[in-house]
Amino acid sequence: MPAEFEAAFVEAYGALPADWRSLAASFDLINLVGLLAGGTDDPVRRADVAARIEQGL
């Protein structure tokens, strides 16, 4: 995530938790698992989502 994102967020909303990157990665992983389990039979989509999950682990 670019440093500009963090700076803009802090300016607009206040401080981020110290572990915000870890929290964001956890939410991303949860959402990817939901996509994988979400009922599509498209093998290309399933492979792409599975690869992204593996990258996050």
N, C-alpha and C. Protein backbone atom coordinates (compact mmCIF):
# COMPACT_ATOMS: atom_id res chain seq x y z
N MET A 1 0.86 -1.17 0.00
CA MET A 1 0.00 0.00 0.00
C MET A 1 0.91 1.24 0.00
N PRO A 2 0.64 2.17 -0.86
CA PRO A 2 1.48 3.37 -0.91
C PRO A 2 1.40 4.18 0.39
N ALA A 3 2.50 4.82 0.72
CA ALA A 3 2.55 5.66 1.92
C ALA A 3 1.51 6.78 1.85
N GLU A 4 1.20 7.22 0.63
CA GLU A 4 0.21 8.28 0.45
C GLU A 4 -1.16 7.86 0.97
N PHE A 5 -1.50 6.57 0.83
CA PHE A 5 -2.78 6.08 1.33
C PHE A 5 -2.85 6.26 2.84
N GLU A 6 -1.82 5.81 3.51
CA GLU A 6 -1.81 5.92 4.97
C GLU A 6 -1.89 7.38 5.40
N ALA A 7 -1.13 8.25 4.76
CA ALA A 7 -1.14 9.67 5.12
C ALA A 7 -2.52 10.29 4.88
N ALA A 8 -3.15 9.96 3.74
CA ALA A 8 -4.47 10.51 3.44
C ALA A 8 -5.51 9.99 4.42
N PHE A 9 -5.43 8.70 4.77
CA PHE A 9 -6.38 8.13 5.71
C PHE A 9 -6.26 8.81 7.07
N VAL A 10 -5.02 8.94 7.55
CA VAL A 10 -4.79 9.57 8.86
C VAL A 10 -5.30 11.00 8.85
N GLU A 11 -5.06 11.71 7.77
CA GLU A 11 -5.53 13.09 7.69
C GLU A 11 -7.06 13.16 7.73
N ALA A 12 -7.72 12.24 7.05
CA ALA A 12 -9.18 12.28 6.97
C ALA A 12 -9.88 11.68 8.18
N TYR A 13 -9.32 10.60 8.73
CA TYR A 13 -10.05 9.84 9.75
C TYR A 13 -9.33 9.70 11.08
N GLY A 14 -8.09 10.07 11.16
CA GLY A 14 -7.34 9.90 12.40
C GLY A 14 -6.38 8.74 12.29
N ALA A 15 -5.79 8.40 13.40
CA ALA A 15 -4.73 7.40 13.43
C ALA A 15 -5.24 6.01 13.05
N LEU A 16 -4.37 5.27 12.39
CA LEU A 16 -4.62 3.87 12.10
C LEU A 16 -4.02 3.02 13.22
N PRO A 17 -4.59 1.84 13.47
CA PRO A 17 -3.97 0.97 14.46
C PRO A 17 -2.57 0.56 13.99
N ALA A 18 -1.70 0.27 14.92
CA ALA A 18 -0.32 -0.09 14.58
C ALA A 18 -0.26 -1.28 13.64
N ASP A 19 -1.18 -2.21 13.78
CA ASP A 19 -1.17 -3.42 12.96
C ASP A 19 -2.18 -3.37 11.81
N TRP A 20 -2.43 -2.18 11.28
CA TRP A 20 -3.47 -2.04 10.27
C TRP A 20 -3.19 -2.85 9.02
N ARG A 21 -1.94 -3.01 8.65
CA ARG A 21 -1.62 -3.79 7.45
C ARG A 21 -1.98 -5.26 7.65
N SER A 22 -1.70 -5.78 8.83
CA SER A 22 -2.05 -7.16 9.14
C SER A 22 -3.57 -7.34 9.16
N LEU A 23 -4.28 -6.38 9.74
CA LEU A 23 -5.74 -6.44 9.76
C LEU A 23 -6.31 -6.39 8.34
N ALA A 24 -5.78 -5.53 7.51
CA ALA A 24 -6.25 -5.42 6.13
C ALA A 24 -6.00 -6.72 5.37
N ALA A 25 -4.83 -7.33 5.59
CA ALA A 25 -4.52 -8.60 4.94
C ALA A 25 -5.47 -9.70 5.41
N SER A 26 -5.82 -9.69 6.68
CA SER A 26 -6.77 -10.68 7.21
C SER A 26 -8.13 -10.51 6.57
N PHE A 27 -8.62 -9.30 6.47
CA PHE A 27 -9.92 -9.04 5.83
C PHE A 27 -9.88 -9.46 4.36
N ASP A 28 -8.78 -9.15 3.68
CA ASP A 28 -8.65 -9.56 2.28
C ASP A 28 -8.73 -11.07 2.14
N LEU A 29 -8.04 -11.79 3.02
CA LEU A 29 -8.05 -13.24 2.97
C LEU A 29 -9.45 -13.80 3.22
N ILE A 30 -10.13 -13.24 4.20
CA ILE A 30 -11.51 -13.68 4.50
C ILE A 30 -12.41 -13.46 3.28
N ASN A 31 -12.29 -12.31 2.64
CA ASN A 31 -13.12 -12.03 1.46
C ASN A 31 -12.78 -12.95 0.30
N LEU A 32 -11.50 -13.28 0.11
CA LEU A 32 -11.12 -14.19 -0.96
C LEU A 32 -11.67 -15.59 -0.71
N VAL A 33 -11.62 -16.04 0.53
CA VAL A 33 -12.19 -17.35 0.86
C VAL A 33 -13.69 -17.33 0.57
N GLY A 34 -14.35 -16.23 0.89
CA GLY A 34 -15.77 -16.11 0.58
C GLY A 34 -16.03 -16.18 -0.91
N LEU A 35 -15.17 -15.57 -1.71
CA LEU A 35 -15.32 -15.65 -3.17
C LEU A 35 -15.13 -17.08 -3.66
N LEU A 36 -14.15 -17.76 -3.07
CA LEU A 36 -13.88 -19.14 -3.48
C LEU A 36 -15.06 -20.05 -3.13
N ALA A 37 -15.67 -19.82 -2.00
CA ALA A 37 -16.78 -20.65 -1.56
C ALA A 37 -18.11 -20.19 -2.13
N GLY A 38 -18.11 -19.06 -2.83
CA GLY A 38 -19.34 -18.39 -3.21
C GLY A 38 -20.08 -18.90 -4.41
N GLY A 39 -19.86 -20.10 -4.82
CA GLY A 39 -20.77 -20.69 -5.78
C GLY A 39 -20.55 -20.34 -7.23
N THR A 40 -19.35 -20.29 -7.71
CA THR A 40 -19.14 -20.18 -9.15
C THR A 40 -18.40 -21.42 -9.62
N ASP A 41 -18.74 -21.88 -10.76
CA ASP A 41 -18.07 -23.05 -11.31
C ASP A 41 -17.04 -22.65 -12.36
N ASP A 42 -16.74 -21.38 -12.46
CA ASP A 42 -15.76 -20.90 -13.43
C ASP A 42 -14.36 -21.30 -12.98
N PRO A 43 -13.73 -22.23 -13.67
CA PRO A 43 -12.42 -22.72 -13.22
C PRO A 43 -11.32 -21.65 -13.27
N VAL A 44 -11.43 -20.71 -14.17
CA VAL A 44 -10.43 -19.64 -14.26
C VAL A 44 -10.53 -18.74 -13.02
N ARG A 45 -11.76 -18.38 -12.67
CA ARG A 45 -11.96 -17.54 -11.48
C ARG A 45 -11.50 -18.27 -10.22
N ARG A 46 -11.86 -19.55 -10.09
CA ARG A 46 -11.47 -20.32 -8.91
C ARG A 46 -9.95 -20.41 -8.81
N ALA A 47 -9.28 -20.62 -9.94
CA ALA A 47 -7.81 -20.72 -9.94
C ALA A 47 -7.19 -19.39 -9.55
N ASP A 48 -7.74 -18.29 -10.08
CA ASP A 48 -7.21 -16.97 -9.76
C ASP A 48 -7.38 -16.65 -8.27
N VAL A 49 -8.56 -16.92 -7.75
CA VAL A 49 -8.81 -16.65 -6.32
C VAL A 49 -7.95 -17.55 -5.45
N ALA A 50 -7.82 -18.82 -5.82
CA ALA A 50 -6.98 -19.73 -5.04
C ALA A 50 -5.52 -19.27 -5.05
N ALA A 51 -5.04 -18.80 -6.18
CA ALA A 51 -3.67 -18.30 -6.26
C ALA A 51 -3.47 -17.08 -5.38
N ARG A 52 -4.46 -16.21 -5.36
CA ARG A 52 -4.36 -15.02 -4.51
C ARG A 52 -4.39 -15.38 -3.03
N ILE A 53 -5.15 -16.41 -2.67
CA ILE A 53 -5.16 -16.87 -1.29
C ILE A 53 -3.78 -17.41 -0.92
N GLU A 54 -3.20 -18.22 -1.80
CA GLU A 54 -1.88 -18.78 -1.53
C GLU A 54 -0.84 -17.67 -1.37
N GLN A 55 -0.93 -16.62 -2.15
CA GLN A 55 0.00 -15.49 -2.05
C GLN A 55 -0.10 -14.82 -0.69
N GLY A 56 -1.31 -14.81 -0.12
CA GLY A 56 -1.53 -14.13 1.15
C GLY A 56 -1.14 -14.95 2.36
N LEU A 57 -0.88 -16.22 2.17
CA LEU A 57 -0.55 -17.07 3.32
C LEU A 57 0.93 -17.09 3.61
